[in-house]
Amino acid sequence: MFGGHGPHIPHVTGRRRGSTTSSRKSEDSDHPDTTGEDDTTVVDEGEKSMLLSIISQLKPGADLSRITLPTFILEPRSMLERITNFMQHPETLLPMTTIDDPVERFVSVVKFYLSGWHLKPPGVKKPLNPILGEQFDCYWELPDKHKAYYIAEQTSHHPPKSSYFYMAPYHHVRIDGTLKPRSRFLGNSAASMMEGVSLLTLLNKGTPGVGEKYILNQPNIYVRGILFGAMKYELGDHVYVKCPENHLVADIEFQVKGFFTGTYNAIQGTIKNELTGDILYEISGKWNEEMYIKDRLTGRTELLFDATNAKPTLPLVRPISEQSDKESQRLWEPTITALLKRDQDTATDEKVKVEEKQRSDTRKREADGIEWVPQLFRPTSDFGLDFIINANVDGKDPETLERQMLAIAPILPGSHPHGKFSIPPHQNHPSAPTSIAHEDNLIELEPDTSKADIKGASST
């Protein structure tokens, strides 16, 4: 037991689940948990020469977002899909709403937050940049036979913004977020500054009808050795987890290795009460191995999460034959197939086709005087999210929440788009959440001007 702050937080190892439907697993099934794999990529002379020809034209600090990178460093999935790494340890996510003590509950949120960073392909790989309006939907079969759902859309291309919405209706967990990666060339290194926040809401805690909210950001990604030596992947800089309602904050540093000192993949942080200034816990370890938590009151240290032995629960995706042309796996299928075969020439050709189609669509909209708007998300200024799902998902019971969620996008096998979300993204949408009426009248998401966004009492 952690004396004074709540009971022991058990370590539960996740298990890989198979599909019981005809749906397809996320592409991450081709690149499972790689804890223990080397985070280093050694490129051959031809690949190194190609990289040098690109970056020799750049100055330190240059923006890499408009630079076409060679396909040999690409991960065979879109960024919209890669974000799901964040949700692939439900054994850390789902117990949070069952914990009564607010400090212990906060620690469980921190554990969930730290559990997904070890999931990555071997070596140094960059996910495919989503095109404007690209979408990715998936779901998880949870151990208790219920499901969790995820919907994402690329809501901006320049600058890139990937907006997402996660819901586990029967476990009272909701996550809204927008990821805004910003890449920079730093000489022998490149950095991807992972701007944007996630807003995690525990619907059965906190203020009724609003929930208890946690604000989270992400570590930045560094690739070392672009010009000289082997390329090395690191996470770095300070991140936070905040619960304003309970005055709790975790400040965690993902430490990068110094030239002569330090170690790779280390983390160091604290959990404190912002109201009193008291430090309650210290966090240490490695984000790709074991992480520990120390109770400052008792001095006792316990294992928080063991990434070495944890296995992800992979998301499931509708068969590609059921997906629309703008859904990630269908959109990028020829490129991904070539990448998996290490056929770099074909991968490059197929990637260029997708990007040229996007440019052509942009030119046509500009010629027609049409402003592009997202299909599934709308702008918001709350919590720094940028975008939020364009529907009121506010059912008072899990069954209603699940029906509302499934009304937004065709997530499950055999489902199809319907209602307001079938409107093409080049036509204007209403700015407020609108009604979605299912043919059997079971699903209604009514506009509510008094509750126009996740805060429940403010509008965008």
Protein backbone atom coordinates (compact mmCIF):
# COMPACT_ATOMS: atom_id res chain seq x y z
CA MET A 1 0.00 0.00 0.00
CA PHE A 2 1.12 3.56 -0.74
CA GLY A 3 0.72 5.02 2.72
CA GLY A 4 -1.27 8.22 2.87
CA HIS A 5 -2.18 8.44 -0.83
CA GLY A 6 -4.20 5.37 -1.64
CA PRO A 7 -3.75 1.66 -2.26
CA HIS A 8 -1.16 -0.13 -4.36
CA ILE A 9 -1.52 0.19 -8.13
CA PRO A 10 -1.31 -3.34 -9.54
CA HIS A 11 0.66 -4.13 -12.65
CA VAL A 12 -1.48 -6.00 -15.16
CA THR A 13 0.15 -7.33 -18.28
CA GLY A 14 -1.89 -6.81 -21.43
CA ARG A 15 -2.65 -9.59 -23.85
CA ARG A 16 -2.97 -9.61 -27.62
CA ARG A 17 -6.50 -10.29 -28.80
CA GLY A 18 -7.49 -11.85 -32.08
CA SER A 19 -10.36 -10.74 -34.29
CA THR A 20 -13.64 -12.62 -34.05
CA THR A 21 -15.00 -10.86 -37.14
CA SER A 22 -13.94 -10.44 -40.73
CA SER A 23 -12.47 -7.05 -39.94
CA ARG A 24 -8.81 -6.30 -40.41
CA LYS A 25 -6.33 -5.53 -37.66
CA SER A 26 -4.53 -2.22 -37.65
CA GLU A 27 -1.33 -2.12 -39.69
CA ASP A 28 0.45 -2.12 -36.34
CA SER A 29 -0.06 -5.89 -36.38
CA ASP A 30 2.78 -5.94 -38.89
CA HIS A 31 4.84 -3.88 -36.47
CA PRO A 32 3.92 -5.07 -32.98
CA ASP A 33 5.32 -3.94 -29.67
CA THR A 34 9.02 -3.59 -30.26
CA THR A 35 10.27 -3.10 -26.73
CA GLY A 36 13.73 -4.59 -26.73
CA GLU A 37 14.21 -3.82 -30.43
CA ASP A 38 17.00 -1.46 -31.39
CA ASP A 39 15.85 2.12 -31.95
CA THR A 40 18.60 2.50 -34.54
CA THR A 41 18.49 2.39 -38.34
CA VAL A 42 21.66 1.84 -40.37
CA VAL A 43 21.11 3.06 -43.93
CA ASP A 44 23.14 1.84 -46.90
CA GLU A 45 25.31 4.13 -49.00
CA GLY A 46 22.62 4.76 -51.61
CA GLU A 47 20.05 5.69 -48.99
CA LYS A 48 22.55 7.88 -47.14
CA SER A 49 23.40 9.65 -50.39
CA MET A 50 19.71 10.29 -51.04
CA LEU A 51 19.25 11.77 -47.57
CA LEU A 52 22.35 13.94 -47.95
CA SER A 53 21.12 15.33 -51.27
CA ILE A 54 17.88 16.42 -49.58
CA ILE A 55 19.23 17.89 -46.37
CA SER A 56 22.27 19.54 -47.94
CA GLN A 57 19.82 22.14 -49.25
CA LEU A 58 18.48 22.90 -45.76
CA LYS A 59 19.61 25.25 -43.04
CA PRO A 60 19.37 24.38 -39.33
CA GLY A 61 15.88 25.23 -38.12
CA ALA A 62 14.30 24.67 -41.55
CA ASP A 63 10.70 23.46 -41.64
CA LEU A 64 10.57 19.86 -42.90
CA SER A 65 6.78 19.68 -43.34
CA ARG A 66 6.98 20.48 -47.06
CA ILE A 67 10.04 18.32 -47.76
CA THR A 68 9.46 15.05 -49.61
CA LEU A 69 11.31 12.36 -47.67
CA PRO A 70 12.49 9.07 -49.21
CA THR A 71 10.11 6.15 -48.72
CA PHE A 72 12.69 3.90 -47.01
CA ILE A 73 12.16 5.83 -43.77
CA LEU A 74 8.35 5.61 -43.92
CA GLU A 75 6.23 3.50 -41.61
CA PRO A 76 3.49 1.62 -43.51
CA ARG A 77 0.55 3.42 -41.90
CA SER A 78 -0.86 6.90 -41.62
CA MET A 79 -0.36 9.23 -38.66
CA LEU A 80 -4.13 8.98 -38.04
CA GLU A 81 -3.62 5.28 -37.37
CA ARG A 82 -0.40 5.69 -35.41
CA ILE A 83 -2.20 7.85 -32.84
CA THR A 84 -4.06 4.71 -31.72
CA ASN A 85 -0.86 3.55 -29.96
CA PHE A 86 -2.08 5.86 -27.21
CA MET A 87 -5.11 3.61 -26.60
CA GLN A 88 -3.62 0.12 -27.07
CA HIS A 89 -3.28 -0.73 -23.38
CA PRO A 90 -6.90 -0.90 -22.16
CA GLU A 91 -5.71 -2.68 -19.02
CA THR A 92 -4.36 0.73 -17.95
CA LEU A 93 -7.16 2.82 -19.44
CA LEU A 94 -10.35 1.12 -18.34
CA PRO A 95 -9.83 0.79 -14.55
CA MET A 96 -9.50 4.55 -14.11
CA THR A 97 -13.22 5.21 -13.70
CA THR A 98 -13.55 2.54 -10.99
CA ILE A 99 -11.14 4.29 -8.59
CA ASP A 100 -12.73 6.50 -5.93
CA ASP A 101 -9.66 8.22 -4.44
CA PRO A 102 -8.79 11.25 -6.64
CA VAL A 103 -5.01 10.97 -6.10
CA GLU A 104 -4.94 7.26 -6.82
CA ARG A 105 -7.15 7.91 -9.85
CA PHE A 106 -4.69 10.54 -11.07
CA VAL A 107 -1.82 8.07 -10.73
CA SER A 108 -3.79 5.59 -12.83
CA VAL A 109 -4.18 8.24 -15.55
CA VAL A 110 -0.41 8.84 -15.49
CA LYS A 111 0.14 5.08 -15.80
CA PHE A 112 -2.15 4.99 -18.84
CA TYR A 113 -0.38 8.00 -20.33
CA LEU A 114 3.05 6.35 -20.04
CA SER A 115 1.96 2.93 -21.32
CA GLY A 116 1.88 3.60 -25.06
CA TRP A 117 5.22 5.17 -25.92
CA HIS A 118 7.04 1.84 -26.30
CA LEU A 119 4.83 0.92 -29.28
CA LYS A 120 6.74 1.66 -32.47
CA PRO A 121 8.19 -0.11 -35.52
CA PRO A 122 11.83 -1.19 -35.40
CA GLY A 123 14.41 1.46 -36.10
CA VAL A 124 13.55 4.99 -37.21
CA LYS A 125 10.31 5.27 -39.15
CA LYS A 126 7.99 8.17 -39.91
CA PRO A 127 4.25 7.57 -40.49
CA LEU A 128 2.64 8.67 -43.73
CA ASN A 129 1.41 12.26 -43.71
CA PRO A 130 -2.41 12.18 -43.89
CA ILE A 131 -3.95 14.13 -46.75
CA LEU A 132 -6.60 16.76 -46.08
CA GLY A 133 -9.90 15.09 -45.20
CA GLU A 134 -8.38 11.65 -44.74
CA GLN A 135 -10.20 9.56 -42.13
CA PHE A 136 -9.41 6.53 -40.01
CA ASP A 137 -11.89 4.62 -37.85
CA CYS A 138 -11.32 1.54 -35.71
CA TYR A 139 -12.54 -0.27 -32.62
CA TRP A 140 -11.26 -2.53 -29.87
CA GLU A 141 -12.74 -5.74 -28.51
CA LEU A 142 -12.27 -5.28 -24.78
CA PRO A 143 -11.75 -8.12 -22.29
CA ASP A 144 -15.27 -7.69 -20.87
CA LYS A 145 -16.82 -8.12 -24.38
CA HIS A 146 -17.66 -4.44 -24.73
CA LYS A 147 -16.03 -2.22 -27.34
CA ALA A 148 -14.09 1.03 -27.54
CA TYR A 149 -14.21 3.24 -30.64
CA TYR A 150 -11.89 5.69 -32.39
CA ILE A 151 -12.60 8.24 -35.14
CA ALA A 152 -9.95 10.50 -36.70
CA GLU A 153 -9.78 13.03 -39.52
CA GLN A 154 -7.04 15.20 -40.97
CA THR A 155 -8.59 18.59 -40.30
CA SER A 156 -5.73 20.69 -41.72
CA HIS A 157 -2.86 19.98 -44.09
CA HIS A 158 -0.74 23.15 -43.81
CA PRO A 159 -0.13 23.22 -40.92
CA PRO A 160 -0.89 19.51 -40.34
CA LYS A 161 -3.57 18.81 -37.75
CA SER A 162 -4.86 15.32 -36.95
CA SER A 163 -8.05 15.39 -34.87
CA TYR A 164 -9.37 12.33 -33.06
CA PHE A 165 -12.15 11.13 -30.81
CA TYR A 166 -12.12 7.99 -28.62
CA MET A 167 -14.95 6.57 -26.57
CA ALA A 168 -15.31 3.51 -24.33
CA PRO A 169 -19.04 3.93 -23.56
CA TYR A 170 -19.39 1.16 -20.97
CA HIS A 171 -16.27 2.33 -19.14
CA HIS A 172 -17.16 6.06 -19.08
CA VAL A 173 -13.94 7.14 -20.86
CA ARG A 174 -13.77 9.79 -23.56
CA ILE A 175 -10.70 11.28 -25.27
CA ASP A 176 -10.68 14.30 -27.59
CA GLY A 177 -7.50 15.52 -29.20
CA THR A 178 -5.67 17.24 -32.01
CA LEU A 179 -2.05 16.44 -32.84
CA LYS A 180 -0.07 19.17 -34.60
CA PRO A 181 3.40 17.85 -35.53
CA ARG A 182 5.94 20.47 -36.56
CA SER A 183 9.23 19.16 -37.99
CA ARG A 184 12.57 20.95 -37.86
CA PHE A 185 16.04 20.22 -39.24
CA LEU A 186 18.71 20.59 -36.54
CA GLY A 187 21.95 19.77 -38.35
CA ASN A 188 22.79 16.11 -37.69
CA SER A 189 19.32 15.68 -36.16
CA ALA A 190 15.69 16.26 -37.00
CA ALA A 191 12.95 17.04 -34.51
CA SER A 192 9.23 16.51 -34.69
CA MET A 193 7.67 18.89 -32.18
CA MET A 194 4.44 17.14 -31.18
CA GLU A 195 2.22 20.10 -30.43
CA GLY A 196 -1.44 19.85 -29.48
CA VAL A 197 -3.23 18.33 -26.51
CA SER A 198 -5.47 15.44 -25.57
CA LEU A 199 -8.42 15.93 -23.26
CA LEU A 200 -9.30 12.78 -21.33
CA THR A 201 -12.72 12.87 -19.63
CA LEU A 202 -13.91 10.39 -17.01
CA LEU A 203 -17.64 10.73 -17.55
CA ASN A 204 -18.73 9.20 -14.23
CA LYS A 205 -16.45 11.39 -12.09
CA GLY A 206 -16.32 15.09 -11.32
CA THR A 207 -19.21 17.43 -12.09
CA PRO A 208 -22.33 15.53 -13.25
CA GLY A 209 -22.90 16.02 -16.97
CA VAL A 210 -19.38 17.38 -17.45
CA GLY A 211 -17.05 14.71 -16.05
CA GLU A 212 -13.55 14.93 -14.62
CA LYS A 213 -11.05 16.25 -17.14
CA TYR A 214 -7.35 15.59 -17.66
CA ILE A 215 -5.20 17.59 -20.07
CA LEU A 216 -2.20 15.82 -21.62
CA ASN A 217 0.49 16.71 -24.13
CA GLN A 218 3.14 14.62 -25.90
CA PRO A 219 6.93 14.32 -25.88
CA ASN A 220 8.83 15.51 -28.92
CA ILE A 221 10.56 13.07 -31.26
CA TYR A 222 14.22 13.38 -32.23
CA VAL A 223 16.12 11.50 -34.93
CA ARG A 224 19.88 11.65 -34.43
CA GLY A 225 22.63 10.75 -36.88
CA ILE A 226 21.02 11.91 -40.11
CA LEU A 227 24.33 13.05 -41.61
CA PHE A 228 26.84 10.94 -39.71
CA GLY A 229 26.54 7.56 -38.01
CA ALA A 230 23.43 5.44 -37.59
CA MET A 231 20.02 7.09 -37.22
CA LYS A 232 18.69 6.90 -33.66
CA TYR A 233 15.14 7.52 -32.36
CA GLU A 234 14.60 9.40 -29.08
CA LEU A 235 11.70 10.95 -27.19
CA GLY A 236 12.52 14.16 -25.36
CA ASP A 237 11.46 17.20 -23.33
CA HIS A 238 8.91 17.90 -20.60
CA VAL A 239 5.31 16.72 -20.75
CA TYR A 240 2.44 17.16 -18.36
CA VAL A 241 -0.75 15.53 -17.17
CA LYS A 242 -3.09 17.97 -15.42
CA CYS A 243 -6.36 17.60 -13.55
CA PRO A 244 -7.46 21.18 -12.76
CA GLU A 245 -10.48 20.03 -10.77
CA ASN A 246 -8.33 18.15 -8.25
CA HIS A 247 -5.31 20.51 -8.47
CA LEU A 248 -3.00 17.67 -9.51
CA VAL A 249 -0.23 17.81 -12.08
CA ALA A 250 2.43 15.39 -13.30
CA ASP A 251 5.57 16.97 -14.77
CA ILE A 252 7.57 14.28 -16.57
CA GLU A 253 10.79 14.73 -18.50
CA PHE A 254 11.66 12.37 -21.34
CA GLN A 255 15.41 12.66 -21.08
CA VAL A 256 17.61 12.61 -24.18
CA LYS A 257 21.09 11.18 -23.89
CA GLY A 258 23.94 13.64 -23.56
CA PHE A 259 27.07 13.36 -25.67
CA PHE A 260 29.12 11.93 -22.82
CA THR A 261 26.59 11.34 -20.05
CA GLY A 262 23.14 9.96 -19.46
CA THR A 263 21.30 7.02 -20.95
CA TYR A 264 18.75 6.46 -23.68
CA ASN A 265 14.99 6.42 -23.03
CA ALA A 266 15.06 7.60 -19.41
CA ILE A 267 12.17 9.44 -17.76
CA GLN A 268 12.08 11.45 -14.54
CA GLY A 269 9.14 13.26 -13.04
CA THR A 270 6.90 14.20 -10.14
CA ILE A 271 3.25 14.29 -9.23
CA LYS A 272 2.28 17.20 -7.04
CA ASN A 273 -0.67 19.03 -5.57
CA GLU A 274 -0.61 22.47 -7.17
CA LEU A 275 -2.77 23.92 -4.42
CA THR A 276 -0.38 23.02 -1.60
CA GLY A 277 2.84 22.61 -3.59
CA ASP A 278 3.38 19.17 -2.02
CA ILE A 279 5.19 16.58 -4.14
CA LEU A 280 3.29 13.33 -3.70
CA TYR A 281 5.18 10.94 -5.96
CA GLU A 282 8.37 10.64 -7.98
CA ILE A 283 8.46 8.80 -11.31
CA SER A 284 11.56 7.20 -12.84
CA GLY A 285 12.69 4.47 -15.21
CA LYS A 286 12.71 4.00 -18.97
CA TRP A 287 9.68 4.52 -21.19
CA ASN A 288 10.51 1.40 -23.21
CA GLU A 289 11.31 -0.82 -20.20
CA GLU A 290 10.24 -0.55 -16.55
CA MET A 291 8.83 2.60 -14.97
CA TYR A 292 8.59 3.11 -11.21
CA ILE A 293 6.67 5.34 -8.82
CA LYS A 294 7.91 6.37 -5.38
CA ASP A 295 5.64 7.60 -2.60
CA ARG A 296 7.37 10.65 -1.12
CA LEU A 297 5.56 10.20 2.21
CA THR A 298 6.53 6.58 2.85
CA GLY A 299 9.63 6.29 0.65
CA ARG A 300 8.22 3.13 -0.91
CA THR A 301 8.90 2.46 -4.60
CA GLU A 302 6.68 0.26 -6.78
CA LEU A 303 6.53 -0.81 -10.40
CA LEU A 304 4.19 1.51 -12.29
CA PHE A 305 4.32 -0.10 -15.76
CA ASP A 306 6.48 -2.79 -17.37
CA ALA A 307 6.72 -2.02 -21.08
CA THR A 308 9.12 -4.93 -21.57
CA ASN A 309 6.41 -7.53 -21.02
CA ALA A 310 3.25 -5.58 -21.89
CA LYS A 311 1.45 -6.56 -25.08
CA PRO A 312 -0.87 -4.19 -26.92
CA THR A 313 -4.51 -4.83 -27.69
CA LEU A 314 -4.59 -4.03 -31.39
CA PRO A 315 -7.47 -2.08 -32.92
CA LEU A 316 -9.71 -3.70 -35.51
CA VAL A 317 -10.66 -2.06 -38.79
CA ARG A 318 -13.43 -2.74 -41.31
CA PRO A 319 -12.29 -4.69 -44.39
CA ILE A 320 -10.69 -2.44 -46.99
CA SER A 321 -13.41 -3.46 -49.45
CA GLU A 322 -15.93 -1.66 -47.20
CA GLN A 323 -13.87 1.50 -46.79
CA SER A 324 -14.27 4.71 -48.77
CA ASP A 325 -11.47 6.14 -50.89
CA LYS A 326 -10.59 8.69 -48.20
CA GLU A 327 -10.09 6.14 -45.39
CA SER A 328 -6.44 5.65 -44.50
CA GLN A 329 -5.90 1.96 -45.18
CA ARG A 330 -7.70 2.03 -48.53
CA LEU A 331 -6.21 5.37 -49.56
CA TRP A 332 -2.65 4.25 -48.88
CA GLU A 333 -3.05 0.52 -49.66
CA PRO A 334 -0.84 0.46 -52.80
CA THR A 335 1.84 2.50 -51.02
CA ILE A 336 1.69 0.35 -47.89
CA THR A 337 1.83 -2.88 -49.90
CA ALA A 338 4.97 -1.67 -51.67
CA LEU A 339 6.56 -0.52 -48.40
CA LEU A 340 5.98 -3.92 -46.82
CA LYS A 341 7.63 -5.54 -49.86
CA ARG A 342 10.48 -3.00 -49.61
CA ASP A 343 9.73 -1.99 -53.18
CA GLN A 344 10.78 1.63 -52.76
CA ASP A 345 10.26 2.66 -56.39
CA THR A 346 6.64 1.51 -56.44
CA ALA A 347 6.04 2.95 -52.98
CA THR A 348 7.30 6.33 -54.19
CA ASP A 349 5.15 6.22 -57.33
CA GLU A 350 2.00 5.31 -55.40
CA LYS A 351 2.65 7.91 -52.73
CA VAL A 352 3.07 10.59 -55.41
CA LYS A 353 -0.28 9.59 -56.96
CA VAL A 354 -2.08 10.22 -53.67
CA GLU A 355 -0.33 13.54 -53.12
CA GLU A 356 -0.94 14.73 -56.69
CA LYS A 357 -4.64 13.91 -56.35
CA GLN A 358 -4.76 16.05 -53.21
CA ARG A 359 -3.09 18.96 -55.01
CA SER A 360 -5.52 18.61 -57.93
CA ASP A 361 -8.51 18.65 -55.57
CA THR A 362 -7.12 21.75 -53.86
CA ARG A 363 -6.72 23.57 -57.17
CA LYS A 364 -10.27 22.67 -58.18
CA ARG A 365 -11.72 23.97 -54.90
CA GLU A 366 -9.76 27.20 -55.27
CA ALA A 367 -10.95 27.62 -58.86
CA ASP A 368 -14.56 27.09 -57.74
CA GLY A 369 -14.18 29.42 -54.76
CA ILE A 370 -15.00 26.66 -52.27
CA GLU A 371 -13.56 26.62 -48.76
CA TRP A 372 -12.79 23.13 -47.45
CA VAL A 373 -14.25 22.15 -44.07
CA PRO A 374 -13.88 18.87 -42.15
CA GLN A 375 -16.66 16.30 -42.32
CA LEU A 376 -16.51 15.00 -38.76
CA PHE A 377 -14.95 17.75 -36.64
CA ARG A 378 -15.57 21.45 -36.02
CA PRO A 379 -13.34 24.19 -34.61
CA THR A 380 -13.18 24.84 -30.88
CA SER A 381 -11.02 27.02 -28.67
CA ASP A 382 -11.56 25.04 -25.46
CA PHE A 383 -8.59 23.35 -23.77
CA GLY A 384 -6.38 24.08 -26.81
CA LEU A 385 -8.01 21.29 -28.81
CA ASP A 386 -8.42 23.20 -32.13
CA PHE A 387 -11.13 20.75 -33.25
CA ILE A 388 -13.81 18.62 -31.61
CA ILE A 389 -16.20 15.98 -32.93
CA ASN A 390 -19.12 17.74 -34.63
CA ALA A 391 -21.88 15.99 -32.67
CA ASN A 392 -23.24 15.94 -29.16
CA VAL A 393 -22.21 12.55 -27.80
CA ASP A 394 -23.80 13.02 -24.42
CA GLY A 395 -26.03 10.03 -23.73
CA LYS A 396 -26.93 9.43 -20.11
CA ASP A 397 -26.31 5.68 -20.36
CA PRO A 398 -23.72 3.49 -22.14
CA GLU A 399 -26.22 2.10 -24.65
CA THR A 400 -27.13 5.58 -25.87
CA LEU A 401 -23.49 6.68 -25.95
CA GLU A 402 -22.61 3.68 -28.09
CA ARG A 403 -25.46 4.31 -30.53
CA GLN A 404 -24.48 7.96 -30.78
CA MET A 405 -20.86 7.02 -31.45
CA LEU A 406 -21.77 4.57 -34.19
CA ALA A 407 -23.99 7.19 -35.85
CA ILE A 408 -20.96 9.36 -36.61
CA ALA A 409 -18.92 6.97 -38.75
CA PRO A 410 -19.16 3.43 -40.17
CA ILE A 411 -16.79 1.90 -37.63
CA LEU A 412 -18.00 -1.70 -37.49
CA PRO A 413 -17.90 -4.25 -40.33
CA GLY A 414 -20.99 -4.06 -42.52
CA SER A 415 -21.85 -0.49 -41.54
CA HIS A 416 -22.18 2.41 -43.97
CA PRO A 417 -22.10 6.23 -43.78
CA HIS A 418 -25.43 7.94 -43.18
CA GLY A 419 -27.01 11.21 -42.15
CA LYS A 420 -25.23 14.55 -41.93
CA PHE A 421 -21.76 13.02 -42.08
CA SER A 422 -22.31 11.91 -45.68
CA ILE A 423 -22.14 15.56 -46.83
CA PRO A 424 -19.05 16.08 -49.02
CA PRO A 425 -16.36 18.01 -47.14
CA HIS A 426 -16.27 20.84 -49.70
CA GLN A 427 -19.82 21.88 -48.76
CA ASN A 428 -20.49 24.02 -45.73
CA HIS A 429 -21.65 22.39 -42.54
CA PRO A 430 -23.50 24.07 -39.67
CA SER A 431 -21.03 25.19 -37.01
CA ALA A 432 -22.97 23.65 -34.13
CA PRO A 433 -23.59 19.94 -33.51
CA THR A 434 -26.52 18.70 -35.58
CA SER A 435 -29.12 15.98 -35.30
CA ILE A 436 -28.44 12.52 -36.60
CA ALA A 437 -31.61 10.48 -36.86
CA HIS A 438 -31.26 6.77 -37.49
CA GLU A 439 -34.00 5.10 -39.51
CA ASP A 440 -35.15 3.16 -36.46
CA ASN A 441 -35.27 6.41 -34.42
CA LEU A 442 -32.85 4.99 -31.88
CA ILE A 443 -30.15 7.59 -32.45
CA GLU A 444 -30.65 11.29 -31.91
CA LEU A 445 -27.89 13.82 -31.45
CA GLU A 446 -29.80 17.06 -31.04
CA PRO A 447 -28.26 20.53 -31.26
CA ASP A 448 -27.93 22.10 -27.84
CA THR A 449 -26.76 25.70 -27.74
CA SER A 450 -26.29 25.52 -24.00
CA LYS A 451 -23.90 22.62 -24.37
CA ALA A 452 -22.13 23.29 -27.63
CA ASP A 453 -18.94 21.52 -26.69
CA ILE A 454 -17.20 19.31 -24.22
CA LYS A 455 -17.18 21.81 -21.42
CA GLY A 456 -20.96 21.53 -21.30
CA ALA A 457 -21.52 25.21 -20.58
CA SER A 458 -19.53 27.19 -23.13
CA SER A 459 -19.53 27.57 -26.87
CA THR A 460 -16.81 27.75 -29.46
